[in-house]
Amino acid sequence: MVAAPSPSGFEQPVQAVIGKEMKKYADKVQTDVMGNTIGLLNPKGSPRIMLAGHCDEIGFMVRHITDEGYIYIAPIGGIDTQVMNCQRVVIHNAKGPVFGVVGRKAIHLMSAEDRKKVAEFHDLWIDIGAKNKKDALTRVSIADPITFAVGLDRLGHDIVVSRGLDDKMGAFVVVEVLRLLAKAKIKAAVCGVSTVQEEIGLRGAHTSAFGLDPELAIAIDVTFSSDHPGTEKTKSGDIKLGKGPVLHLGANINPVVGKLLIDTAKAEKIPYQMLAAPSATGTDANAIQLSRTGVATALVAVPLRYMHTPAEVLSLDDLENAAKLIAAFIKRLKPGMSFLPV
């Protein structure tokens, strides 16, 4: 299971932390066979809404250990090898965390042609300081998961940097919405889900949506900001950190739910930004929308810089406004509402 930094500097399973927080605000917390953690608030209410933020992050897996004790890896999710060279990593072994560094041939030893090439996974290895294979196997095992060994830091004002903000921040928003609604008088049944395996095919969203059978749903994920060098607004839209959560209209978005989110943001004076979604969004919203006979689904996204790197950057104000918007939206839901796109 992907892990999150704890105050002590060691690592704790993300779902254990999320489940503990959910228990403060939900009427019931459960875990399904896939590993999704689900917090139920007002479970007998109507309509039934599912909130989904995935807790998994990109990473690696131990694939092979050489006789000399070096570890070769396989990717989990979409990783750019250009950001990996000499990064510090942590291997999550059952006995405890094992720290290492991604190794690569030094630039002094490369030919001019080699320096121009992008490293592939078979060009990289992890060095844990092992004497040999036998020594390495006393600390790590084949198939152990691996993450970058960096935590969260503040860059200034409301801007933070961390690994795994895609999408542990979405799981945080789910819990924050439960907190905001815990003492409110709502009509809807709220199913807050910290989903798993989004990065390898939206798998946790598939199974949890089928099991919960919601009438409508909101996925919470990140989206590309276009407020830094090298981005093209004509391709990715005009999206900035600190200007509010990003709402969508298009094929993956139920028009009734999409419009109600926009109307709620306007009424509550919550800043928001807009993106077009002409096809599947590539988020849990896609899997949920297609569950059973269909779910009225929307996507609330938070702008992110440097996605799928160890240094993802976002605005805490955007997180706060995303939670406020979703909570205000849920307060407007009433039994008998129709989400038919007509």
Protein backbone atom coordinates (compact mmCIF):
# COMPACT_ATOMS: atom_id res chain seq x y z
CA MET A 1 0.00 0.00 0.00
CA VAL A 2 1.28 3.46 -0.84
CA ALA A 3 2.40 5.29 2.27
CA ALA A 4 2.33 8.84 3.64
CA PRO A 5 4.88 10.63 5.80
CA SER A 6 3.97 10.64 9.49
CA PRO A 7 5.12 13.31 11.97
CA SER A 8 7.78 10.94 13.27
CA GLY A 9 9.38 10.69 9.84
CA PHE A 10 8.47 7.03 9.41
CA GLU A 11 5.77 5.78 7.06
CA GLN A 12 2.14 4.86 7.75
CA PRO A 13 -0.34 3.22 5.35
CA VAL A 14 -2.42 5.98 3.78
CA GLN A 15 -5.72 4.12 4.09
CA ALA A 16 -5.16 3.59 7.82
CA VAL A 17 -4.69 7.32 8.30
CA ILE A 18 -7.71 8.16 6.13
CA GLY A 19 -9.92 5.60 7.87
CA LYS A 20 -8.97 7.01 11.27
CA GLU A 21 -9.91 10.52 10.14
CA MET A 22 -13.16 9.36 8.54
CA LYS A 23 -14.28 7.77 11.81
CA LYS A 24 -14.37 11.24 13.39
CA TYR A 25 -17.08 12.44 11.02
CA ALA A 26 -18.81 9.49 9.30
CA ASP A 27 -21.58 7.30 10.70
CA LYS A 28 -19.80 4.20 9.43
CA VAL A 29 -16.40 3.41 7.94
CA GLN A 30 -15.66 0.24 5.98
CA THR A 31 -13.03 -1.23 3.70
CA ASP A 32 -13.82 -3.41 0.70
CA VAL A 33 -11.83 -6.31 -0.74
CA MET A 34 -10.00 -4.02 -3.19
CA GLY A 35 -8.74 -1.82 -0.36
CA ASN A 36 -11.03 1.17 -0.92
CA THR A 37 -11.84 2.97 2.34
CA ILE A 38 -15.44 4.20 2.52
CA GLY A 39 -16.96 6.65 4.98
CA LEU A 40 -20.78 6.72 5.07
CA LEU A 41 -22.61 9.82 6.31
CA ASN A 42 -26.41 9.80 6.66
CA PRO A 43 -26.50 6.41 4.88
CA LYS A 44 -30.32 6.25 4.70
CA GLY A 45 -30.59 9.63 2.99
CA SER A 46 -31.46 10.42 -0.61
CA PRO A 47 -30.07 10.91 -3.19
CA ARG A 48 -26.95 8.79 -2.68
CA ILE A 49 -23.79 10.63 -3.73
CA MET A 50 -20.32 9.13 -4.04
CA LEU A 51 -17.17 11.24 -3.56
CA ALA A 52 -13.94 9.72 -4.84
CA GLY A 53 -10.35 10.79 -4.28
CA HIS A 54 -7.68 8.21 -5.03
CA CYS A 55 -4.99 7.58 -2.42
CA ASP A 56 -2.49 5.76 -4.65
CA GLU A 57 0.46 7.51 -6.21
CA ILE A 58 3.00 6.70 -8.89
CA GLY A 59 5.88 4.53 -7.76
CA PHE A 60 7.96 1.47 -8.55
CA MET A 61 8.29 -2.18 -7.63
CA VAL A 62 11.32 -4.36 -6.96
CA ARG A 63 11.72 -6.54 -10.05
CA HIS A 64 15.23 -8.02 -9.82
CA ILE A 65 18.21 -8.01 -7.45
CA THR A 66 21.66 -8.54 -8.94
CA ASP A 67 24.38 -10.70 -7.41
CA GLU A 68 26.07 -7.45 -6.33
CA GLY A 69 22.95 -6.32 -4.44
CA TYR A 70 21.65 -3.66 -6.83
CA ILE A 71 17.89 -3.47 -7.36
CA TYR A 72 16.21 -3.13 -10.75
CA ILE A 73 12.68 -1.79 -10.82
CA ALA A 74 9.38 -1.75 -12.71
CA PRO A 75 7.18 1.38 -12.84
CA ILE A 76 3.76 1.65 -11.17
CA GLY A 77 1.86 4.28 -13.14
CA GLY A 78 3.19 6.79 -15.62
CA ILE A 79 6.67 7.96 -14.59
CA ASP A 80 9.09 10.16 -16.51
CA THR A 81 12.53 8.59 -16.12
CA GLN A 82 14.13 12.02 -16.62
CA VAL A 83 13.10 13.02 -13.09
CA MET A 84 14.48 9.87 -11.46
CA ASN A 85 18.25 10.20 -11.73
CA CYS A 86 19.82 10.00 -8.22
CA GLN A 87 16.51 10.59 -6.43
CA ARG A 88 16.25 9.21 -2.91
CA VAL A 89 13.60 6.51 -2.53
CA VAL A 90 12.07 4.34 0.17
CA ILE A 91 11.29 0.66 -0.30
CA HIS A 92 8.24 -0.40 1.70
CA ASN A 93 9.21 -3.81 3.06
CA ALA A 94 7.07 -5.74 5.55
CA LYS A 95 9.87 -5.39 8.13
CA GLY A 96 10.01 -1.61 7.73
CA PRO A 97 11.18 1.11 5.33
CA VAL A 98 14.48 0.68 3.50
CA PHE A 99 16.08 3.79 2.05
CA GLY A 100 18.02 3.91 -1.19
CA VAL A 101 19.04 6.07 -4.13
CA VAL A 102 18.36 5.70 -7.84
CA GLY A 103 21.71 5.09 -9.54
CA ARG A 104 22.86 5.83 -13.07
CA LYS A 105 26.22 6.05 -14.84
CA ALA A 106 27.92 9.36 -14.01
CA ILE A 107 27.89 11.99 -16.75
CA HIS A 108 31.72 11.93 -16.84
CA LEU A 109 31.58 8.29 -17.97
CA MET A 110 28.98 8.81 -20.68
CA SER A 111 29.70 9.29 -24.35
CA ALA A 112 28.42 12.44 -26.04
CA GLU A 113 25.71 10.32 -27.67
CA ASP A 114 24.67 8.73 -24.35
CA ARG A 115 24.23 12.17 -22.78
CA LYS A 116 21.54 13.00 -25.35
CA LYS A 117 19.49 9.87 -24.63
CA VAL A 118 16.59 9.68 -22.20
CA ALA A 119 17.24 6.95 -19.65
CA GLU A 120 14.98 3.91 -19.77
CA PHE A 121 14.06 1.85 -16.73
CA HIS A 122 16.64 -0.80 -17.55
CA ASP A 123 19.32 1.94 -17.39
CA LEU A 124 18.48 2.72 -13.74
CA TRP A 125 18.92 0.81 -10.50
CA ILE A 126 18.48 1.36 -6.76
CA ASP A 127 21.45 1.27 -4.42
CA ILE A 128 20.62 0.42 -0.79
CA GLY A 129 24.25 -0.04 0.24
CA ALA A 130 23.97 -3.82 0.19
CA LYS A 131 27.11 -5.95 0.21
CA ASN A 132 25.58 -8.48 -2.19
CA LYS A 133 22.30 -10.15 -3.16
CA LYS A 134 22.11 -12.15 0.08
CA ASP A 135 22.51 -8.99 2.13
CA ALA A 136 19.89 -7.12 0.06
CA LEU A 137 17.36 -9.94 0.49
CA THR A 138 17.58 -9.62 4.27
CA ARG A 139 15.99 -6.16 3.90
CA VAL A 140 13.91 -6.17 0.71
CA SER A 141 11.82 -8.66 -1.27
CA ILE A 142 10.77 -9.07 -4.88
CA ALA A 143 7.60 -7.01 -5.55
CA ASP A 144 8.13 -4.57 -2.64
CA PRO A 145 6.57 -1.19 -3.57
CA ILE A 146 8.81 1.89 -3.76
CA THR A 147 8.11 5.62 -3.51
CA PHE A 148 10.22 8.76 -3.66
CA ALA A 149 11.58 9.60 -0.20
CA VAL A 150 10.39 13.20 0.04
CA GLY A 151 7.73 14.84 2.18
CA LEU A 152 5.75 18.08 2.16
CA ASP A 153 7.24 21.57 2.39
CA ARG A 154 5.80 25.05 2.11
CA LEU A 155 7.12 27.21 -0.73
CA GLY A 156 5.47 30.39 0.46
CA HIS A 157 2.03 31.73 1.38
CA ASP A 158 -0.45 28.95 0.52
CA ILE A 159 1.78 27.04 -1.92
CA VAL A 160 3.13 23.60 -0.95
CA VAL A 161 5.31 20.99 -2.64
CA SER A 162 5.24 17.23 -2.10
CA ARG A 163 5.30 13.88 -3.80
CA GLY A 164 1.92 12.19 -4.25
CA LEU A 165 -0.31 15.27 -4.18
CA ASP A 166 -1.82 13.44 -7.15
CA ASP A 167 -4.04 12.39 -5.56
CA LYS A 168 -3.74 12.13 -1.82
CA MET A 169 -4.99 15.70 -1.81
CA GLY A 170 -8.23 14.32 -3.33
CA ALA A 171 -8.58 11.83 -0.48
CA PHE A 172 -8.01 14.75 1.92
CA VAL A 173 -10.80 16.75 0.27
CA VAL A 174 -13.17 13.79 0.65
CA VAL A 175 -12.49 13.68 4.40
CA GLU A 176 -12.75 17.46 4.68
CA VAL A 177 -16.18 17.41 3.02
CA LEU A 178 -17.31 14.80 5.56
CA ARG A 179 -16.05 17.10 8.34
CA LEU A 180 -17.90 20.11 6.94
CA LEU A 181 -21.13 18.10 6.67
CA ALA A 182 -20.88 16.07 9.90
CA LYS A 183 -23.12 18.40 11.92
CA ALA A 184 -25.19 19.76 9.04
CA LYS A 185 -28.75 18.71 8.32
CA ILE A 186 -28.45 17.14 4.89
CA LYS A 187 -30.91 15.07 2.91
CA ALA A 188 -28.38 13.16 0.83
CA ALA A 189 -26.53 9.99 1.74
CA VAL A 190 -22.82 10.70 1.33
CA CYS A 191 -20.35 7.93 0.47
CA GLY A 192 -16.83 9.32 0.79
CA VAL A 193 -14.36 6.94 -0.87
CA SER A 194 -10.57 6.90 -0.81
CA THR A 195 -10.09 4.80 -3.93
CA VAL A 196 -7.12 2.61 -4.86
CA GLN A 197 -5.31 1.73 -8.09
CA GLU A 198 -6.39 4.79 -10.05
CA GLU A 199 -2.94 5.18 -11.54
CA ILE A 200 -3.09 1.73 -13.15
CA GLY A 201 -6.60 1.84 -14.60
CA LEU A 202 -9.20 3.46 -12.28
CA ARG A 203 -9.69 0.04 -10.72
CA GLY A 204 -10.82 1.00 -7.22
CA ALA A 205 -13.39 3.40 -8.61
CA HIS A 206 -14.83 0.65 -10.81
CA THR A 207 -15.50 -1.70 -7.92
CA SER A 208 -16.55 0.83 -5.26
CA ALA A 209 -19.01 2.53 -7.61
CA PHE A 210 -20.55 -0.82 -8.49
CA GLY A 211 -20.88 -1.74 -4.82
CA LEU A 212 -22.26 1.59 -3.61
CA ASP A 213 -24.57 2.10 -6.60
CA PRO A 214 -24.77 5.92 -6.25
CA GLU A 215 -27.21 8.13 -8.15
CA LEU A 216 -24.59 10.82 -8.63
CA ALA A 217 -20.87 11.19 -7.95
CA ILE A 218 -18.02 13.68 -7.84
CA ALA A 219 -14.42 12.67 -8.44
CA ILE A 220 -11.75 14.88 -6.91
CA ASP A 221 -8.40 14.90 -8.69
CA VAL A 222 -5.68 17.18 -10.00
CA THR A 223 -5.40 18.90 -13.36
CA PHE A 224 -2.58 20.64 -15.21
CA SER A 225 -1.94 24.27 -14.36
CA SER A 226 -0.82 26.46 -17.24
CA ASP A 227 0.77 29.23 -15.19
CA HIS A 228 4.41 28.20 -15.55
CA PRO A 229 6.93 28.23 -18.43
CA GLY A 230 6.55 25.61 -21.13
CA THR A 231 2.76 25.27 -21.04
CA GLU A 232 0.36 26.20 -23.83
CA LYS A 233 -3.04 27.59 -22.83
CA THR A 234 -4.36 26.72 -26.28
CA LYS A 235 -3.85 23.04 -25.43
CA SER A 236 -4.49 22.83 -21.68
CA GLY A 237 -6.70 25.84 -20.95
CA ASP A 238 -6.01 28.91 -18.83
CA ILE A 239 -5.63 27.39 -15.35
CA LYS A 240 -3.77 28.98 -12.45
CA LEU A 241 -2.85 28.01 -8.90
CA GLY A 242 -4.84 29.88 -6.27
CA LYS A 243 -7.72 30.83 -8.56
CA GLY A 244 -10.05 28.12 -7.31
CA PRO A 245 -11.00 24.52 -8.11
CA VAL A 246 -11.53 23.56 -11.74
CA LEU A 247 -15.01 22.54 -12.94
CA HIS A 248 -15.74 20.75 -16.21
CA LEU A 249 -18.44 20.41 -18.82
CA GLY A 250 -18.43 17.74 -21.51
CA ALA A 251 -18.92 14.06 -22.23
CA ASN A 252 -17.67 12.78 -18.85
CA ILE A 253 -19.79 15.30 -16.94
CA ASN A 254 -23.51 15.00 -16.29
CA PRO A 255 -24.94 18.37 -17.45
CA VAL A 256 -27.34 18.67 -14.50
CA VAL A 257 -24.64 18.01 -11.91
CA GLY A 258 -22.13 20.16 -13.80
CA LYS A 259 -24.49 23.15 -13.91
CA LEU A 260 -25.46 22.75 -10.25
CA LEU A 261 -21.79 22.86 -9.26
CA ILE A 262 -21.33 26.08 -11.24
CA ASP A 263 -24.50 27.61 -9.78
CA THR A 264 -23.37 26.64 -6.26
CA ALA A 265 -19.95 28.24 -6.75
CA LYS A 266 -21.58 31.47 -7.94
CA ALA A 267 -24.14 31.57 -5.14
CA GLU A 268 -21.53 30.86 -2.44
CA LYS A 269 -18.99 33.23 -4.02
CA ILE A 270 -16.42 30.43 -4.24
CA PRO A 271 -13.78 31.08 -6.94
CA TYR A 272 -13.64 28.49 -9.71
CA GLN A 273 -12.11 27.89 -13.13
CA MET A 274 -13.52 26.05 -16.16
CA LEU A 275 -12.22 23.38 -18.51
CA ALA A 276 -13.79 21.60 -21.45
CA ALA A 277 -14.02 17.78 -21.16
CA PRO A 278 -14.73 16.55 -24.71
CA SER A 279 -14.16 12.88 -23.84
CA ALA A 280 -13.20 10.66 -20.91
CA THR A 281 -11.24 12.66 -18.34
CA GLY A 282 -8.81 9.90 -17.37
CA THR A 283 -9.88 10.20 -13.74
CA ASP A 284 -12.10 8.14 -11.43
CA ALA A 285 -15.00 10.12 -12.92
CA ASN A 286 -14.69 8.05 -16.09
CA ALA A 287 -15.02 4.70 -14.30
CA ILE A 288 -17.84 5.88 -12.03
CA GLN A 289 -19.89 7.35 -14.88
CA LEU A 290 -19.92 3.96 -16.62
CA SER A 291 -20.86 1.88 -13.58
CA ARG A 292 -23.97 -0.31 -13.85
CA THR A 293 -26.54 1.62 -15.96
CA GLY A 294 -24.66 4.91 -15.54
CA VAL A 295 -24.04 7.46 -12.78
CA ALA A 296 -24.57 11.23 -12.99
CA THR A 297 -20.92 12.19 -12.54
CA ALA A 298 -18.82 15.35 -12.28
CA LEU A 299 -15.17 16.17 -11.71
CA VAL A 300 -13.77 18.80 -9.34
CA ALA A 301 -10.06 19.26 -9.96
CA VAL A 302 -7.28 21.19 -8.26
CA PRO A 303 -4.56 22.84 -10.40
CA LEU A 304 -1.16 21.15 -10.07
CA ARG A 305 2.31 21.95 -11.35
CA TYR A 306 4.88 19.27 -12.26
CA MET A 307 2.47 16.31 -12.22
CA HIS A 308 3.90 12.80 -11.71
CA THR A 309 7.18 14.04 -10.26
CA PRO A 310 8.58 14.05 -6.70
CA ALA A 311 7.91 17.82 -6.58
CA GLU A 312 4.23 18.40 -7.28
CA VAL A 313 3.04 21.91 -6.39
CA LEU A 314 -0.44 23.21 -5.53
CA SER A 315 -2.33 25.87 -3.57
CA LEU A 316 -3.88 25.04 -0.19
CA ASP A 317 -6.51 27.70 -0.87
CA ASP A 318 -7.67 25.67 -3.87
CA LEU A 319 -8.04 22.60 -1.63
CA GLU A 320 -10.10 24.54 0.89
CA ASN A 321 -12.35 26.00 -1.78
CA ALA A 322 -12.83 22.59 -3.44
CA ALA A 323 -14.08 21.14 -0.12
CA LYS A 324 -16.32 24.14 0.56
CA LEU A 325 -17.84 23.92 -2.92
CA ILE A 326 -18.60 20.20 -2.72
CA ALA A 327 -20.07 20.53 0.78
CA ALA A 328 -22.30 23.42 -0.33
CA PHE A 329 -23.35 21.42 -3.40
CA ILE A 330 -24.38 18.43 -1.26
CA LYS A 331 -26.46 20.66 1.03
CA ARG A 332 -28.56 21.59 -2.05
CA LEU A 333 -29.40 17.98 -2.93
CA LYS A 334 -32.97 16.84 -2.24
CA PRO A 335 -34.82 13.53 -2.60
CA GLY A 336 -36.49 13.05 -5.96
CA MET A 337 -34.05 15.26 -7.92
CA SER A 338 -33.65 14.23 -11.54
CA PHE A 339 -30.23 14.09 -13.14
CA LEU A 340 -31.45 13.07 -16.57
CA PRO A 341 -29.55 15.05 -19.24
CA VAL A 342 -32.64 16.52 -20.89
